[in-house]
Amino acid sequence: MEPATFLSISIGIMVVAIPWFSIYTAFGPPAQELRDPFDEHED
């Protein structure tokens, strides 16, 4: 495999993986452990 092809595939995987992980963390099961600091200090 040529280095340019490997680099292109690697960048493509990262472009898909980072947003997927962010959405999963924000709305998936790990979101139950997140805290909202604004809700903790409401009067």
PDB file of N, CA and C in Angstrom:
ATOM      1  N   MET A   1       0.850  -1.178   0.000  1.00  0.00           N
ATOM      2  CA  MET A   1       0.000   0.000   0.000  1.00  0.00           C
ATOM      3  C   MET A   1       0.896   1.241   0.000  1.00  0.00           C
ATOM      4  N   GLU A   2       0.555   2.180  -0.832  1.00  0.00           N
ATOM      5  CA  GLU A   2       1.353   3.398  -0.917  1.00  0.00           C
ATOM      6  C   GLU A   2       1.125   4.275   0.306  1.00  0.00           C
ATOM      7  N   PRO A   3       2.121   5.044   0.679  1.00  0.00           N
ATOM      8  CA  PRO A   3       1.973   5.908   1.851  1.00  0.00           C
ATOM      9  C   PRO A   3       0.824   6.912   1.716  1.00  0.00           C
ATOM     10  N   ALA A   4       0.591   7.433   0.522  1.00  0.00           N
ATOM     11  CA  ALA A   4      -0.490   8.403   0.328  1.00  0.00           C
ATOM     12  C   ALA A   4      -1.853   7.757   0.554  1.00  0.00           C
ATOM     13  N   THR A   5      -2.010   6.517   0.117  1.00  0.00           N
ATOM     14  CA  THR A   5      -3.271   5.799   0.321  1.00  0.00           C
ATOM     15  C   THR A   5      -3.484   5.524   1.803  1.00  0.00           C
ATOM     16  N   PHE A   6      -2.452   5.091   2.473  1.00  0.00           N
ATOM     17  CA  PHE A   6      -2.540   4.812   3.907  1.00  0.00           C
ATOM     18  C   PHE A   6      -2.893   6.082   4.684  1.00  0.00           C
ATOM     19  N   LEU A   7      -2.267   7.194   4.327  1.00  0.00           N
ATOM     20  CA  LEU A   7      -2.544   8.463   4.988  1.00  0.00           C
ATOM     21  C   LEU A   7      -3.973   8.917   4.737  1.00  0.00           C
ATOM     22  N   SER A   8      -4.450   8.773   3.520  1.00  0.00           N
ATOM     23  CA  SER A   8      -5.821   9.155   3.182  1.00  0.00           C
ATOM     24  C   SER A   8      -6.834   8.326   3.962  1.00  0.00           C
ATOM     25  N   ILE A   9      -6.605   7.037   4.049  1.00  0.00           N
ATOM     26  CA  ILE A   9      -7.516   6.167   4.798  1.00  0.00           C
ATOM     27  C   ILE A   9      -7.474   6.514   6.280  1.00  0.00           C
ATOM     28  N   SER A  10      -6.302   6.775   6.819  1.00  0.00           N
ATOM     29  CA  SER A  10      -6.169   7.121   8.240  1.00  0.00           C
ATOM     30  C   SER A  10      -6.900   8.421   8.566  1.00  0.00           C
ATOM     31  N   ILE A  11      -6.737   9.423   7.716  1.00  0.00           N
ATOM     32  CA  ILE A  11      -7.419  10.701   7.946  1.00  0.00           C
ATOM     33  C   ILE A  11      -8.924  10.515   7.830  1.00  0.00           C
ATOM     34  N   GLY A  12      -9.374   9.726   6.872  1.00  0.00           N
ATOM     35  CA  GLY A  12     -10.801   9.454   6.718  1.00  0.00           C
ATOM     36  C   GLY A  12     -11.392   8.771   7.938  1.00  0.00           C
ATOM     37  N   ILE A  13     -10.669   7.818   8.490  1.00  0.00           N
ATOM     38  CA  ILE A  13     -11.150   7.133   9.693  1.00  0.00           C
ATOM     39  C   ILE A  13     -11.238   8.105  10.859  1.00  0.00           C
ATOM     40  N   MET A  14     -10.259   8.973  11.007  1.00  0.00           N
ATOM     41  CA  MET A  14     -10.286   9.946  12.104  1.00  0.00           C
ATOM     42  C   MET A  14     -11.425  10.950  11.935  1.00  0.00           C
ATOM     43  N   VAL A  15     -11.700  11.346  10.692  1.00  0.00           N
ATOM     44  CA  VAL A  15     -12.787  12.305  10.428  1.00  0.00           C
ATOM     45  C   VAL A  15     -14.128  11.698  10.826  1.00  0.00           C
ATOM     46  N   VAL A  16     -14.279  10.402  10.704  1.00  0.00           N
ATOM     47  CA  VAL A  16     -15.524   9.741  11.084  1.00  0.00           C
ATOM     48  C   VAL A  16     -15.525   9.389  12.568  1.00  0.00           C
ATOM     49  N   ALA A  17     -14.394   8.951  13.102  1.00  0.00           N
ATOM     50  CA  ALA A  17     -14.337   8.450  14.481  1.00  0.00           C
ATOM     51  C   ALA A  17     -14.506   9.547  15.519  1.00  0.00           C
ATOM     52  N   ILE A  18     -13.920  10.703  15.320  1.00  0.00           N
ATOM     53  CA  ILE A  18     -13.993  11.764  16.328  1.00  0.00           C
ATOM     54  C   ILE A  18     -15.423  12.276  16.506  1.00  0.00           C
ATOM     55  N   PRO A  19     -16.159  12.620  15.431  1.00  0.00           N
ATOM     56  CA  PRO A  19     -17.556  13.043  15.641  1.00  0.00           C
ATOM     57  C   PRO A  19     -18.434  11.923  16.203  1.00  0.00           C
ATOM     58  N   TRP A  20     -18.201  10.678  15.760  1.00  0.00           N
ATOM     59  CA  TRP A  20     -18.994   9.566  16.277  1.00  0.00           C
ATOM     60  C   TRP A  20     -18.789   9.420  17.781  1.00  0.00           C
ATOM     61  N   PHE A  21     -17.555   9.485  18.229  1.00  0.00           N
ATOM     62  CA  PHE A  21     -17.269   9.358  19.661  1.00  0.00           C
ATOM     63  C   PHE A  21     -17.871  10.526  20.444  1.00  0.00           C
ATOM     64  N   SER A  22     -17.820  11.722  19.884  1.00  0.00           N
ATOM     65  CA  SER A  22     -18.390  12.890  20.559  1.00  0.00           C
ATOM     66  C   SER A  22     -19.900  12.760  20.710  1.00  0.00           C
ATOM     67  N   ILE A  23     -20.570  12.323  19.667  1.00  0.00           N
ATOM     68  CA  ILE A  23     -22.024  12.140  19.735  1.00  0.00           C
ATOM     69  C   ILE A  23     -22.374  11.019  20.697  1.00  0.00           C
ATOM     70  N   TYR A  24     -21.624   9.936  20.669  1.00  0.00           N
ATOM     71  CA  TYR A  24     -21.872   8.816  21.585  1.00  0.00           C
ATOM     72  C   TYR A  24     -21.695   9.260  23.038  1.00  0.00           C
ATOM     73  N   THR A  25     -20.668  10.045  23.310  1.00  0.00           N
ATOM     74  CA  THR A  25     -20.422  10.511  24.674  1.00  0.00           C
ATOM     75  C   THR A  25     -21.505  11.487  25.123  1.00  0.00           C
ATOM     76  N   ALA A  26     -21.988  12.327  24.219  1.00  0.00           N
ATOM     77  CA  ALA A  26     -22.969  13.339  24.584  1.00  0.00           C
ATOM     78  C   ALA A  26     -24.369  12.762  24.773  1.00  0.00           C
ATOM     79  N   PHE A  27     -24.749  11.774  23.968  1.00  0.00           N
ATOM     80  CA  PHE A  27     -26.128  11.302  23.992  1.00  0.00           C
ATOM     81  C   PHE A  27     -26.278   9.828  24.348  1.00  0.00           C
ATOM     82  N   GLY A  28     -25.209   9.072  24.390  1.00  0.00           N
ATOM     83  CA  GLY A  28     -25.286   7.643  24.672  1.00  0.00           C
ATOM     84  C   GLY A  28     -25.256   7.358  26.166  1.00  0.00           C
ATOM     85  N   PRO A  29     -25.032   6.109  26.522  1.00  0.00           N
ATOM     86  CA  PRO A  29     -24.990   5.722  27.936  1.00  0.00           C
ATOM     87  C   PRO A  29     -23.989   6.500  28.797  1.00  0.00           C
ATOM     88  N   PRO A  30     -22.800   6.879  28.274  1.00  0.00           N
ATOM     89  CA  PRO A  30     -21.888   7.654  29.121  1.00  0.00           C
ATOM     90  C   PRO A  30     -22.445   9.022  29.515  1.00  0.00           C
ATOM     91  N   ALA A  31     -23.473   9.510  28.828  1.00  0.00           N
ATOM     92  CA  ALA A  31     -24.035  10.824  29.137  1.00  0.00           C
ATOM     93  C   ALA A  31     -24.697  10.838  30.515  1.00  0.00           C
ATOM     94  N   GLN A  32     -25.054   9.680  31.047  1.00  0.00           N
ATOM     95  CA  GLN A  32     -25.687   9.622  32.366  1.00  0.00           C
ATOM     96  C   GLN A  32     -24.716  10.063  33.459  1.00  0.00           C
ATOM     97  N   GLU A  33     -23.424   9.931  33.213  1.00  0.00           N
ATOM     98  CA  GLU A  33     -22.419  10.295  34.210  1.00  0.00           C
ATOM     99  C   GLU A  33     -22.010  11.768  34.123  1.00  0.00           C
ATOM    100  N   LEU A  34     -22.420  12.464  33.054  1.00  0.00           N
ATOM    101  CA  LEU A  34     -22.061  13.864  32.910  1.00  0.00           C
ATOM    102  C   LEU A  34     -22.874  14.711  33.880  1.00  0.00           C
ATOM    103  N   ARG A  35     -22.303  15.802  34.341  1.00  0.00           N
ATOM    104  CA  ARG A  35     -23.026  16.682  35.245  1.00  0.00           C
ATOM    105  C   ARG A  35     -23.149  18.056  34.602  1.00  0.00           C
ATOM    106  N   ASP A  36     -24.163  18.780  34.971  1.00  0.00           N
ATOM    107  CA  ASP A  36     -24.391  20.117  34.450  1.00  0.00           C
ATOM    108  C   ASP A  36     -24.110  21.109  35.571  1.00  0.00           C
ATOM    109  N   PRO A  37     -22.993  21.835  35.519  1.00  0.00           N
ATOM    110  CA  PRO A  37     -22.650  22.735  36.611  1.00  0.00           C
ATOM    111  C   PRO A  37     -23.645  23.880  36.767  1.00  0.00           C
ATOM    112  N   PHE A  38     -24.370  24.238  35.713  1.00  0.00           N
ATOM    113  CA  PHE A  38     -25.353  25.309  35.828  1.00  0.00           C
ATOM    114  C   PHE A  38     -26.576  24.858  36.635  1.00  0.00           C
ATOM    115  N   ASP A  39     -26.950  23.571  36.487  1.00  0.00           N
ATOM    116  CA  ASP A  39     -28.070  23.053  37.277  1.00  0.00           C
ATOM    117  C   ASP A  39     -27.725  22.956  38.756  1.00  0.00           C
ATOM    118  N   GLU A  40     -26.466  22.746  39.069  1.00  0.00           N
ATOM    119  CA  GLU A  40     -26.053  22.600  40.468  1.00  0.00           C
ATOM    120  C   GLU A  40     -26.109  23.928  41.209  1.00  0.00           C
ATOM    121  N   HIS A  41     -26.041  25.068  40.515  1.00  0.00           N
ATOM    122  CA  HIS A  41     -25.982  26.363  41.174  1.00  0.00           C
ATOM    123  C   HIS A  41     -27.209  27.227  40.902  1.00  0.00           C
ATOM    124  N   GLU A  42     -28.311  26.604  40.466  1.00  0.00           N
ATOM    125  CA  GLU A  42     -29.523  27.394  40.263  1.00  0.00           C
ATOM    126  C   GLU A  42     -30.162  27.728  41.612  1.00  0.00           C
ATOM    127  N   ASP A  43     -30.751  28.895  41.668  1.00  0.00           N
ATOM    128  CA  ASP A  43     -31.425  29.293  42.911  1.00  0.00           C
ATOM    129  C   ASP A  43     -32.917  29.147  42.780  1.00  0.00           C
TER     130      ASP A  43
END
